[in-house]
Amino acid sequence: ATFVTRLERVTMCYKAGLQAARVLRGDDIRQLKLGYSLGRSAAASIVLRGRKDPSLYPCRFATFTDYKEHVFEDWQRSRPTDFHPASVSQSFYSETEARAFCKGAGLTDLP
């Protein structure tokens, strides 16, 4: 396994936010999914665009249970796998990483 430093993780999160902004503007359709694991649950999930009323977004969730109904087509399942095509979101292991994503996406801070 390759060790990823905290600075590298924060940088990846910021770049994922930049890409999410491109998706929200309609300039691209690909979301940058973060490719590292710390072997623990996410501390925060950010939804920039979800499957519900647009006035709800952007928003932040602390639990997967709350997050999943905003971004998955099959959210009723205990382990959903089918992201809603319009959703733009990411989960993070720390608030710092979530904040970096939000900054990259053009937000001034966490929602």
PDB file of N, CA and C in Angstrom:
ATOM      1  N   ALA A   1       0.837  -1.190   0.000  1.00  0.00           N
ATOM      2  CA  ALA A   1       0.000   0.000   0.000  1.00  0.00           C
ATOM      3  C   ALA A   1       0.876   1.246   0.000  1.00  0.00           C
ATOM      4  N   THR A   2       0.458   2.230  -0.745  1.00  0.00           N
ATOM      5  CA  THR A   2       1.184   3.487  -0.822  1.00  0.00           C
ATOM      6  C   THR A   2       0.684   4.425   0.264  1.00  0.00           C
ATOM      7  N   PHE A   3       1.614   5.026   0.987  1.00  0.00           N
ATOM      8  CA  PHE A   3       1.259   5.974   2.041  1.00  0.00           C
ATOM      9  C   PHE A   3       0.947   7.333   1.414  1.00  0.00           C
ATOM     10  N   VAL A   4      -0.165   7.901   1.788  1.00  0.00           N
ATOM     11  CA  VAL A   4      -0.568   9.221   1.301  1.00  0.00           C
ATOM     12  C   VAL A   4      -0.540  10.166   2.483  1.00  0.00           C
ATOM     13  N   THR A   5       0.234  11.236   2.378  1.00  0.00           N
ATOM     14  CA  THR A   5       0.348  12.187   3.479  1.00  0.00           C
ATOM     15  C   THR A   5      -0.940  13.006   3.605  1.00  0.00           C
ATOM     16  N   ARG A   6      -1.070  13.644   4.734  1.00  0.00           N
ATOM     17  CA  ARG A   6      -2.248  14.501   4.949  1.00  0.00           C
ATOM     18  C   ARG A   6      -2.288  15.640   3.928  1.00  0.00           C
ATOM     19  N   LEU A   7      -1.137  16.226   3.636  1.00  0.00           N
ATOM     20  CA  LEU A   7      -1.076  17.302   2.639  1.00  0.00           C
ATOM     21  C   LEU A   7      -1.519  16.789   1.272  1.00  0.00           C
ATOM     22  N   GLU A   8      -1.079  15.597   0.904  1.00  0.00           N
ATOM     23  CA  GLU A   8      -1.499  15.014  -0.378  1.00  0.00           C
ATOM     24  C   GLU A   8      -3.003  14.769  -0.405  1.00  0.00           C
ATOM     25  N   ARG A   9      -3.569  14.305   0.706  1.00  0.00           N
ATOM     26  CA  ARG A   9      -5.012  14.083   0.769  1.00  0.00           C
ATOM     27  C   ARG A   9      -5.776  15.397   0.621  1.00  0.00           C
ATOM     28  N   VAL A  10      -5.319  16.435   1.305  1.00  0.00           N
ATOM     29  CA  VAL A  10      -5.989  17.739   1.221  1.00  0.00           C
ATOM     30  C   VAL A  10      -5.889  18.282  -0.206  1.00  0.00           C
ATOM     31  N   THR A  11      -4.740  18.117  -0.836  1.00  0.00           N
ATOM     32  CA  THR A  11      -4.564  18.564  -2.221  1.00  0.00           C
ATOM     33  C   THR A  11      -5.506  17.814  -3.161  1.00  0.00           C
ATOM     34  N   MET A  12      -5.620  16.490  -2.970  1.00  0.00           N
ATOM     35  CA  MET A  12      -6.547  15.701  -3.789  1.00  0.00           C
ATOM     36  C   MET A  12      -7.988  16.172  -3.601  1.00  0.00           C
ATOM     37  N   CYS A  13      -8.345  16.506  -2.371  1.00  0.00           N
ATOM     38  CA  CYS A  13      -9.706  16.968  -2.083  1.00  0.00           C
ATOM     39  C   CYS A  13      -9.985  18.304  -2.758  1.00  0.00           C
ATOM     40  N   TYR A  14      -9.010  19.201  -2.726  1.00  0.00           N
ATOM     41  CA  TYR A  14      -9.163  20.489  -3.395  1.00  0.00           C
ATOM     42  C   TYR A  14      -9.352  20.287  -4.900  1.00  0.00           C
ATOM     43  N   LYS A  15      -8.537  19.421  -5.498  1.00  0.00           N
ATOM     44  CA  LYS A  15      -8.656  19.137  -6.935  1.00  0.00           C
ATOM     45  C   LYS A  15     -10.000  18.487  -7.260  1.00  0.00           C
ATOM     46  N   ALA A  16     -10.495  17.643  -6.370  1.00  0.00           N
ATOM     47  CA  ALA A  16     -11.818  17.046  -6.567  1.00  0.00           C
ATOM     48  C   ALA A  16     -12.891  18.132  -6.545  1.00  0.00           C
ATOM     49  N   GLY A  17     -12.704  19.144  -5.702  1.00  0.00           N
ATOM     50  CA  GLY A  17     -13.631  20.277  -5.662  1.00  0.00           C
ATOM     51  C   GLY A  17     -13.591  21.088  -6.947  1.00  0.00           C
ATOM     52  N   LEU A  18     -12.390  21.311  -7.485  1.00  0.00           N
ATOM     53  CA  LEU A  18     -12.270  22.018  -8.772  1.00  0.00           C
ATOM     54  C   LEU A  18     -13.015  21.261  -9.866  1.00  0.00           C
ATOM     55  N   GLN A  19     -12.862  19.943  -9.883  1.00  0.00           N
ATOM     56  CA  GLN A  19     -13.553  19.123 -10.883  1.00  0.00           C
ATOM     57  C   GLN A  19     -15.059  19.140 -10.654  1.00  0.00           C
ATOM     58  N   ALA A  20     -15.489  19.110  -9.406  1.00  0.00           N
ATOM     59  CA  ALA A  20     -16.923  19.172  -9.100  1.00  0.00           C
ATOM     60  C   ALA A  20     -17.521  20.476  -9.618  1.00  0.00           C
ATOM     61  N   ALA A  21     -16.772  21.576  -9.507  1.00  0.00           N
ATOM     62  CA  ALA A  21     -17.250  22.862 -10.024  1.00  0.00           C
ATOM     63  C   ALA A  21     -17.433  22.796 -11.540  1.00  0.00           C
ATOM     64  N   ARG A  22     -16.516  22.116 -12.234  1.00  0.00           N
ATOM     65  CA  ARG A  22     -16.656  21.944 -13.690  1.00  0.00           C
ATOM     66  C   ARG A  22     -17.937  21.176 -14.023  1.00  0.00           C
ATOM     67  N   VAL A  23     -18.221  20.143 -13.236  1.00  0.00           N
ATOM     68  CA  VAL A  23     -19.430  19.352 -13.451  1.00  0.00           C
ATOM     69  C   VAL A  23     -20.671  20.212 -13.205  1.00  0.00           C
ATOM     70  N   LEU A  24     -20.673  20.981 -12.134  1.00  0.00           N
ATOM     71  CA  LEU A  24     -21.824  21.834 -11.818  1.00  0.00           C
ATOM     72  C   LEU A  24     -22.072  22.882 -12.906  1.00  0.00           C
ATOM     73  N   ARG A  25     -20.999  23.385 -13.517  1.00  0.00           N
ATOM     74  CA  ARG A  25     -21.128  24.372 -14.599  1.00  0.00           C
ATOM     75  C   ARG A  25     -21.531  23.737 -15.920  1.00  0.00           C
ATOM     76  N   GLY A  26     -21.451  22.414 -16.008  1.00  0.00           N
ATOM     77  CA  GLY A  26     -21.765  21.726 -17.253  1.00  0.00           C
ATOM     78  C   GLY A  26     -20.583  21.618 -18.193  1.00  0.00           C
ATOM     79  N   ASP A  27     -19.369  21.918 -17.701  1.00  0.00           N
ATOM     80  CA  ASP A  27     -18.167  21.849 -18.529  1.00  0.00           C
ATOM     81  C   ASP A  27     -17.610  20.430 -18.638  1.00  0.00           C
ATOM     82  N   ASP A  28     -18.046  19.527 -17.788  1.00  0.00           N
ATOM     83  CA  ASP A  28     -17.551  18.157 -17.766  1.00  0.00           C
ATOM     84  C   ASP A  28     -18.612  17.287 -17.098  1.00  0.00           C
ATOM     85  N   ILE A  29     -18.526  15.993 -17.275  1.00  0.00           N
ATOM     86  CA  ILE A  29     -19.482  15.091 -16.629  1.00  0.00           C
ATOM     87  C   ILE A  29     -18.792  14.157 -15.644  1.00  0.00           C
ATOM     88  N   ARG A  30     -17.463  14.159 -15.635  1.00  0.00           N
ATOM     89  CA  ARG A  30     -16.708  13.226 -14.792  1.00  0.00           C
ATOM     90  C   ARG A  30     -16.413  13.831 -13.425  1.00  0.00           C
ATOM     91  N   GLN A  31     -16.783  13.117 -12.382  1.00  0.00           N
ATOM     92  CA  GLN A  31     -16.410  13.524 -11.037  1.00  0.00           C
ATOM     93  C   GLN A  31     -15.123  12.823 -10.655  1.00  0.00           C
ATOM     94  N   LEU A  32     -14.271  13.513  -9.947  1.00  0.00           N
ATOM     95  CA  LEU A  32     -13.012  12.943  -9.487  1.00  0.00           C
ATOM     96  C   LEU A  32     -13.265  12.247  -8.159  1.00  0.00           C
ATOM     97  N   LYS A  33     -13.267  10.931  -8.171  1.00  0.00           N
ATOM     98  CA  LYS A  33     -13.469  10.174  -6.940  1.00  0.00           C
ATOM     99  C   LYS A  33     -12.123   9.955  -6.269  1.00  0.00           C
ATOM    100  N   LEU A  34     -12.068  10.223  -5.004  1.00  0.00           N
ATOM    101  CA  LEU A  34     -10.814  10.116  -4.271  1.00  0.00           C
ATOM    102  C   LEU A  34     -10.411   8.658  -4.112  1.00  0.00           C
ATOM    103  N   GLY A  35      -9.139   8.383  -4.352  1.00  0.00           N
ATOM    104  CA  GLY A  35      -8.660   7.013  -4.360  1.00  0.00           C
ATOM    105  C   GLY A  35      -7.752   6.665  -3.206  1.00  0.00           C
ATOM    106  N   TYR A  36      -8.184   6.928  -1.997  1.00  0.00           N
ATOM    107  CA  TYR A  36      -7.410   6.516  -0.829  1.00  0.00           C
ATOM    108  C   TYR A  36      -8.373   6.085   0.258  1.00  0.00           C
ATOM    109  N   SER A  37      -7.900   5.256   1.140  1.00  0.00           N
ATOM    110  CA  SER A  37      -8.729   4.777   2.240  1.00  0.00           C
ATOM    111  C   SER A  37      -7.921   4.793   3.523  1.00  0.00           C
ATOM    112  N   LEU A  38      -8.548   5.244   4.576  1.00  0.00           N
ATOM    113  CA  LEU A  38      -7.901   5.237   5.880  1.00  0.00           C
ATOM    114  C   LEU A  38      -8.462   4.126   6.760  1.00  0.00           C
ATOM    115  N   GLY A  39      -9.343   3.310   6.198  1.00  0.00           N
ATOM    116  CA  GLY A  39      -9.899   2.201   6.951  1.00  0.00           C
ATOM    117  C   GLY A  39     -10.882   2.603   8.033  1.00  0.00           C
ATOM    118  N   ARG A  40     -11.498   3.749   7.868  1.00  0.00           N
ATOM    119  CA  ARG A  40     -12.510   4.183   8.838  1.00  0.00           C
ATOM    120  C   ARG A  40     -13.637   4.890   8.100  1.00  0.00           C
ATOM    121  N   SER A  41     -14.701   5.144   8.804  1.00  0.00           N
ATOM    122  CA  SER A  41     -15.855   5.803   8.193  1.00  0.00           C
ATOM    123  C   SER A  41     -15.564   7.266   7.922  1.00  0.00           C
ATOM    124  N   ALA A  42     -16.282   7.790   6.949  1.00  0.00           N
ATOM    125  CA  ALA A  42     -16.140   9.204   6.611  1.00  0.00           C
ATOM    126  C   ALA A  42     -16.620  10.079   7.767  1.00  0.00           C
ATOM    127  N   ALA A  43     -15.938  11.202   7.951  1.00  0.00           N
ATOM    128  CA  ALA A  43     -16.325  12.160   8.992  1.00  0.00           C
ATOM    129  C   ALA A  43     -17.364  13.145   8.476  1.00  0.00           C
ATOM    130  N   ALA A  44     -17.342  13.400   7.169  1.00  0.00           N
ATOM    131  CA  ALA A  44     -18.278  14.360   6.576  1.00  0.00           C
ATOM    132  C   ALA A  44     -18.489  14.030   5.114  1.00  0.00           C
ATOM    133  N   SER A  45     -19.715  14.208   4.660  1.00  0.00           N
ATOM    134  CA  SER A  45     -20.049  14.047   3.249  1.00  0.00           C
ATOM    135  C   SER A  45     -20.659  15.362   2.780  1.00  0.00           C
ATOM    136  N   ILE A  46     -20.149  15.862   1.668  1.00  0.00           N
ATOM    137  CA  ILE A  46     -20.628  17.123   1.100  1.00  0.00           C
ATOM    138  C   ILE A  46     -21.426  16.813  -0.157  1.00  0.00           C
ATOM    139  N   VAL A  47     -22.629  17.362  -0.241  1.00  0.00           N
ATOM    140  CA  VAL A  47     -23.461  17.213  -1.433  1.00  0.00           C
ATOM    141  C   VAL A  47     -23.625  18.605  -2.039  1.00  0.00           C
ATOM    142  N   LEU A  48     -23.066  18.781  -3.237  1.00  0.00           N
ATOM    143  CA  LEU A  48     -23.193  20.055  -3.943  1.00  0.00           C
ATOM    144  C   LEU A  48     -24.469  20.086  -4.774  1.00  0.00           C
ATOM    145  N   ARG A  49     -24.854  18.921  -5.304  1.00  0.00           N
ATOM    146  CA  ARG A  49     -26.117  18.784  -6.030  1.00  0.00           C
ATOM    147  C   ARG A  49     -26.602  17.365  -5.793  1.00  0.00           C
ATOM    148  N   GLY A  50     -27.858  17.249  -5.397  1.00  0.00           N
ATOM    149  CA  GLY A  50     -28.412  15.940  -5.091  1.00  0.00           C
ATOM    150  C   GLY A  50     -29.679  15.662  -5.869  1.00  0.00           C
ATOM    151  N   ARG A  51     -30.356  14.600  -5.478  1.00  0.00           N
ATOM    152  CA  ARG A  51     -31.531  14.149  -6.219  1.00  0.00           C
ATOM    153  C   ARG A  51     -32.829  14.767  -5.704  1.00  0.00           C
ATOM    154  N   LYS A  52     -32.730  15.581  -4.674  1.00  0.00           N
ATOM    155  CA  LYS A  52     -33.920  16.212  -4.104  1.00  0.00           C
ATOM    156  C   LYS A  52     -34.001  17.680  -4.535  1.00  0.00           C
ATOM    157  N   ASP A  53     -34.851  18.435  -3.887  1.00  0.00           N
ATOM    158  CA  ASP A  53     -35.060  19.851  -4.217  1.00  0.00           C
ATOM    159  C   ASP A  53     -33.736  20.619  -4.211  1.00  0.00           C
ATOM    160  N   PRO A  54     -33.439  21.364  -5.279  1.00  0.00           N
ATOM    161  CA  PRO A  54     -32.169  22.098  -5.368  1.00  0.00           C
ATOM    162  C   PRO A  54     -31.918  23.077  -4.219  1.00  0.00           C
ATOM    163  N   SER A  55     -32.979  23.545  -3.564  1.00  0.00           N
ATOM    164  CA  SER A  55     -32.799  24.498  -2.463  1.00  0.00           C
ATOM    165  C   SER A  55     -32.108  23.859  -1.250  1.00  0.00           C
ATOM    166  N   LEU A  56     -32.020  22.531  -1.214  1.00  0.00           N
ATOM    167  CA  LEU A  56     -31.374  21.835  -0.100  1.00  0.00           C
ATOM    168  C   LEU A  56     -29.846  21.849  -0.183  1.00  0.00           C
ATOM    169  N   TYR A  57     -29.296  22.222  -1.337  1.00  0.00           N
ATOM    170  CA  TYR A  57     -27.864  22.081  -1.585  1.00  0.00           C
ATOM    171  C   TYR A  57     -27.185  23.420  -1.798  1.00  0.00           C
ATOM    172  N   PRO A  58     -25.915  23.524  -1.441  1.00  0.00           N
ATOM    173  CA  PRO A  58     -25.045  22.489  -0.893  1.00  0.00           C
ATOM    174  C   PRO A  58     -25.368  22.195   0.570  1.00  0.00           C
ATOM    175  N   CYS A  59     -25.014  20.981   0.992  1.00  0.00           N
ATOM    176  CA  CYS A  59     -25.226  20.595   2.383  1.00  0.00           C
ATOM    177  C   CYS A  59     -24.172  19.584   2.810  1.00  0.00           C
ATOM    178  N   ARG A  60     -24.103  19.377   4.120  1.00  0.00           N
ATOM    179  CA  ARG A  60     -23.115  18.464   4.705  1.00  0.00           C
ATOM    180  C   ARG A  60     -23.839  17.451   5.582  1.00  0.00           C
ATOM    181  N   PHE A  61     -23.348  16.193   5.544  1.00  0.00           N
ATOM    182  CA  PHE A  61     -23.913  15.133   6.369  1.00  0.00           C
ATOM    183  C   PHE A  61     -22.800  14.460   7.153  1.00  0.00           C
ATOM    184  N   ALA A  62     -23.111  14.081   8.373  1.00  0.00           N
ATOM    185  CA  ALA A  62     -22.128  13.409   9.228  1.00  0.00           C
ATOM    186  C   ALA A  62     -22.274  11.896   9.177  1.00  0.00           C
ATOM    187  N   THR A  63     -23.417  11.402   8.685  1.00  0.00           N
ATOM    188  CA  THR A  63     -23.624   9.951   8.632  1.00  0.00           C
ATOM    189  C   THR A  63     -23.976   9.513   7.215  1.00  0.00           C
ATOM    190  N   PHE A  64     -23.564   8.291   6.886  1.00  0.00           N
ATOM    191  CA  PHE A  64     -23.868   7.720   5.581  1.00  0.00           C
ATOM    192  C   PHE A  64     -25.373   7.561   5.407  1.00  0.00           C
ATOM    193  N   THR A  65     -26.067   7.214   6.472  1.00  0.00           N
ATOM    194  CA  THR A  65     -27.517   7.017   6.413  1.00  0.00           C
ATOM    195  C   THR A  65     -28.218   8.278   5.922  1.00  0.00           C
ATOM    196  N   ASP A  66     -27.809   9.436   6.418  1.00  0.00           N
ATOM    197  CA  ASP A  66     -28.412  10.702   5.984  1.00  0.00           C
ATOM    198  C   ASP A  66     -27.970  11.074   4.567  1.00  0.00           C
ATOM    199  N   TYR A  67     -26.711  10.855   4.270  1.00  0.00           N
ATOM    200  CA  TYR A  67     -26.126  11.212   2.974  1.00  0.00           C
ATOM    201  C   TYR A  67     -26.727  10.426   1.819  1.00  0.00           C
ATOM    202  N   LYS A  68     -26.915   9.112   2.000  1.00  0.00           N
ATOM    203  CA  LYS A  68     -27.240   8.231   0.880  1.00  0.00           C
ATOM    204  C   LYS A  68     -28.558   8.570   0.191  1.00  0.00           C
ATOM    205  N   GLU A  69     -29.552   9.069   0.918  1.00  0.00           N
ATOM    206  CA  GLU A  69     -30.822   9.344   0.255  1.00  0.00           C
ATOM    207  C   GLU A  69     -30.773  10.582  -0.648  1.00  0.00           C
ATOM    208  N   HIS A  70     -29.701  11.342  -0.557  1.00  0.00           N
ATOM    209  CA  HIS A  70     -29.541  12.522  -1.403  1.00  0.00           C
ATOM    210  C   HIS A  70     -28.760  12.243  -2.684  1.00  0.00           C
ATOM    211  N   VAL A  71     -28.012  11.141  -2.728  1.00  0.00           N
ATOM    212  CA  VAL A  71     -27.127  10.920  -3.875  1.00  0.00           C
ATOM    213  C   VAL A  71     -27.299   9.582  -4.589  1.00  0.00           C
ATOM    214  N   PHE A  72     -27.993   8.630  -3.997  1.00  0.00           N
ATOM    215  CA  PHE A  72     -28.136   7.312  -4.612  1.00  0.00           C
ATOM    216  C   PHE A  72     -29.544   7.087  -5.144  1.00  0.00           C
ATOM    217  N   GLU A  73     -29.638   6.453  -6.317  1.00  0.00           N
ATOM    218  CA  GLU A  73     -30.933   6.034  -6.858  1.00  0.00           C
ATOM    219  C   GLU A  73     -31.539   4.945  -5.974  1.00  0.00           C
ATOM    220  N   ASP A  74     -30.694   4.009  -5.533  1.00  0.00           N
ATOM    221  CA  ASP A  74     -31.143   2.867  -4.740  1.00  0.00           C
ATOM    222  C   ASP A  74     -30.881   3.086  -3.248  1.00  0.00           C
ATOM    223  N   TRP A  75     -31.180   4.287  -2.769  1.00  0.00           N
ATOM    224  CA  TRP A  75     -30.850   4.694  -1.398  1.00  0.00           C
ATOM    225  C   TRP A  75     -31.560   3.884  -0.327  1.00  0.00           C
ATOM    226  N   GLN A  76     -32.655   3.193  -0.679  1.00  0.00           N
ATOM    227  CA  GLN A  76     -33.372   2.400   0.326  1.00  0.00           C
ATOM    228  C   GLN A  76     -32.587   1.150   0.735  1.00  0.00           C
ATOM    229  N   ARG A  77     -31.663   0.709  -0.112  1.00  0.00           N
ATOM    230  CA  ARG A  77     -30.853  -0.468   0.210  1.00  0.00           C
ATOM    231  C   ARG A  77     -29.845  -0.119   1.302  1.00  0.00           C
ATOM    232  N   SER A  78     -29.454  -1.114   2.088  1.00  0.00           N
ATOM    233  CA  SER A  78     -28.495  -0.845   3.157  1.00  0.00           C
ATOM    234  C   SER A  78     -27.127  -0.463   2.604  1.00  0.00           C
ATOM    235  N   ARG A  79     -26.764  -1.002   1.431  1.00  0.00           N
ATOM    236  CA  ARG A  79     -25.497  -0.656   0.780  1.00  0.00           C
ATOM    237  C   ARG A  79     -25.763  -0.252  -0.669  1.00  0.00           C
ATOM    238  N   PRO A  80     -26.241   0.963  -0.874  1.00  0.00           N
ATOM    239  CA  PRO A  80     -26.551   1.400  -2.238  1.00  0.00           C
ATOM    240  C   PRO A  80     -25.282   1.516  -3.094  1.00  0.00           C
ATOM    241  N   THR A  81     -25.451   1.351  -4.394  1.00  0.00           N
ATOM    242  CA  THR A  81     -24.303   1.413  -5.311  1.00  0.00           C
ATOM    243  C   THR A  81     -24.562   2.280  -6.526  1.00  0.00           C
ATOM    244  N   ASP A  82     -25.800   2.686  -6.748  1.00  0.00           N
ATOM    245  CA  ASP A  82     -26.191   3.368  -7.975  1.00  0.00           C
ATOM    246  C   ASP A  82     -26.368   4.872  -7.734  1.00  0.00           C
ATOM    247  N   PHE A  83     -25.299   5.645  -7.993  1.00  0.00           N
ATOM    248  CA  PHE A  83     -25.386   7.097  -7.807  1.00  0.00           C
ATOM    249  C   PHE A  83     -26.403   7.702  -8.763  1.00  0.00           C
ATOM    250  N   HIS A  84     -27.163   8.672  -8.270  1.00  0.00           N
ATOM    251  CA  HIS A  84     -28.075   9.429  -9.116  1.00  0.00           C
ATOM    252  C   HIS A  84     -27.226  10.219 -10.105  1.00  0.00           C
ATOM    253  N   PRO A  85     -27.592  10.227 -11.396  1.00  0.00           N
ATOM    254  CA  PRO A  85     -26.741  10.867 -12.407  1.00  0.00           C
ATOM    255  C   PRO A  85     -26.536  12.370 -12.215  1.00  0.00           C
ATOM    256  N   ALA A  86     -27.461  13.024 -11.540  1.00  0.00           N
ATOM    257  CA  ALA A  86     -27.329  14.472 -11.342  1.00  0.00           C
ATOM    258  C   ALA A  86     -26.528  14.829 -10.090  1.00  0.00           C
ATOM    259  N   SER A  87     -26.301  13.856  -9.210  1.00  0.00           N
ATOM    260  CA  SER A  87     -25.660  14.181  -7.938  1.00  0.00           C
ATOM    261  C   SER A  87     -24.176  14.490  -8.106  1.00  0.00           C
ATOM    262  N   VAL A  88     -23.726  15.444  -7.315  1.00  0.00           N
ATOM    263  CA  VAL A  88     -22.315  15.823  -7.246  1.00  0.00           C
ATOM    264  C   VAL A  88     -21.973  15.869  -5.769  1.00  0.00           C
ATOM    265  N   SER A  89     -21.123  14.920  -5.338  1.00  0.00           N
ATOM    266  CA  SER A  89     -20.846  14.815  -3.910  1.00  0.00           C
ATOM    267  C   SER A  89     -19.528  14.105  -3.675  1.00  0.00           C
ATOM    268  N   GLN A  90     -19.102  14.132  -2.418  1.00  0.00           N
ATOM    269  CA  GLN A  90     -17.867  13.462  -2.017  1.00  0.00           C
ATOM    270  C   GLN A  90     -17.900  13.264  -0.510  1.00  0.00           C
ATOM    271  N   SER A  91     -17.248  12.215  -0.030  1.00  0.00           N
ATOM    272  CA  SER A  91     -17.132  11.961   1.406  1.00  0.00           C
ATOM    273  C   SER A  91     -15.679  12.087   1.827  1.00  0.00           C
ATOM    274  N   PHE A  92     -15.462  12.503   3.088  1.00  0.00           N
ATOM    275  CA  PHE A  92     -14.124  12.835   3.565  1.00  0.00           C
ATOM    276  C   PHE A  92     -13.870  12.281   4.949  1.00  0.00           C
ATOM    277  N   TYR A  93     -12.596  12.032   5.231  1.00  0.00           N
ATOM    278  CA  TYR A  93     -12.181  11.504   6.526  1.00  0.00           C
ATOM    279  C   TYR A  93     -11.962  12.597   7.566  1.00  0.00           C
ATOM    280  N   SER A  94     -11.871  13.851   7.116  1.00  0.00           N
ATOM    281  CA  SER A  94     -11.668  14.943   8.070  1.00  0.00           C
ATOM    282  C   SER A  94     -12.387  16.195   7.599  1.00  0.00           C
ATOM    283  N   GLU A  95     -12.640  17.086   8.539  1.00  0.00           N
ATOM    284  CA  GLU A  95     -13.262  18.359   8.206  1.00  0.00           C
ATOM    285  C   GLU A  95     -12.330  19.204   7.331  1.00  0.00           C
ATOM    286  N   THR A  96     -11.031  19.088   7.550  1.00  0.00           N
ATOM    287  CA  THR A  96     -10.053  19.822   6.735  1.00  0.00           C
ATOM    288  C   THR A  96     -10.170  19.408   5.274  1.00  0.00           C
ATOM    289  N   GLU A  97     -10.276  18.100   5.024  1.00  0.00           N
ATOM    290  CA  GLU A  97     -10.413  17.611   3.649  1.00  0.00           C
ATOM    291  C   GLU A  97     -11.732  18.090   3.043  1.00  0.00           C
ATOM    292  N   ALA A  98     -12.816  18.044   3.817  1.00  0.00           N
ATOM    293  CA  ALA A  98     -14.118  18.512   3.331  1.00  0.00           C
ATOM    294  C   ALA A  98     -14.056  20.002   2.998  1.00  0.00           C
ATOM    295  N   ARG A  99     -13.377  20.761   3.843  1.00  0.00           N
ATOM    296  CA  ARG A  99     -13.239  22.203   3.608  1.00  0.00           C
ATOM    297  C   ARG A  99     -12.434  22.468   2.326  1.00  0.00           C
ATOM    298  N   ALA A 100     -11.371  21.699   2.085  1.00  0.00           N
ATOM    299  CA  ALA A 100     -10.568  21.860   0.870  1.00  0.00           C
ATOM    300  C   ALA A 100     -11.413  21.591  -0.376  1.00  0.00           C
ATOM    301  N   PHE A 101     -12.248  20.551  -0.322  1.00  0.00           N
ATOM    302  CA  PHE A 101     -13.155  20.237  -1.431  1.00  0.00           C
ATOM    303  C   PHE A 101     -14.102  21.405  -1.686  1.00  0.00           C
ATOM    304  N   CYS A 102     -14.688  21.933  -0.623  1.00  0.00           N
ATOM    305  CA  CYS A 102     -15.630  23.046  -0.756  1.00  0.00           C
ATOM    306  C   CYS A 102     -14.953  24.275  -1.349  1.00  0.00           C
ATOM    307  N   LYS A 103     -13.748  24.577  -0.892  1.00  0.00           N
ATOM    308  CA  LYS A 103     -13.002  25.721  -1.449  1.00  0.00           C
ATOM    309  C   LYS A 103     -12.754  25.507  -2.937  1.00  0.00           C
ATOM    310  N   GLY A 104     -12.316  24.298  -3.313  1.00  0.00           N
ATOM    311  CA  GLY A 104     -12.091  23.992  -4.721  1.00  0.00           C
ATOM    312  C   GLY A 104     -13.347  24.141  -5.548  1.00  0.00           C
ATOM    313  N   ALA A 105     -14.498  23.798  -4.962  1.00  0.00           N
ATOM    314  CA  ALA A 105     -15.767  23.881  -5.657  1.00  0.00           C
ATOM    315  C   ALA A 105     -16.324  25.302  -5.725  1.00  0.00           C
ATOM    316  N   GLY A 106     -15.654  26.242  -5.050  1.00  0.00           N
ATOM    317  CA  GLY A 106     -16.077  27.634  -5.105  1.00  0.00           C
ATOM    318  C   GLY A 106     -16.895  28.110  -3.924  1.00  0.00           C
ATOM    319  N   LEU A 107     -17.067  27.265  -2.909  1.00  0.00           N
ATOM    320  CA  LEU A 107     -17.760  27.697  -1.696  1.00  0.00           C
ATOM    321  C   LEU A 107     -16.770  28.440  -0.796  1.00  0.00           C
ATOM    322  N   THR A 108     -17.266  29.316   0.038  1.00  0.00           N
ATOM    323  CA  THR A 108     -16.377  30.037   0.942  1.00  0.00           C
ATOM    324  C   THR A 108     -16.000  29.205   2.163  1.00  0.00           C
ATOM    325  N   ASP A 109     -16.842  28.222   2.499  1.00  0.00           N
ATOM    326  CA  ASP A 109     -16.574  27.356   3.655  1.00  0.00           C
ATOM    327  C   ASP A 109     -17.482  26.139   3.577  1.00  0.00           C
ATOM    328  N   LEU A 110     -17.497  25.348   4.624  1.00  0.00           N
ATOM    329  CA  LEU A 110     -18.393  24.196   4.678  1.00  0.00           C
ATOM    330  C   LEU A 110     -19.841  24.658   4.699  1.00  0.00           C
ATOM    331  N   PRO A 111     -20.721  23.918   4.041  1.00  0.00           N
ATOM    332  CA  PRO A 111     -22.138  24.288   4.129  1.00  0.00           C
ATOM    333  C   PRO A 111     -22.697  23.982   5.501  1.00  0.00           C
TER     334      PRO A 111
END
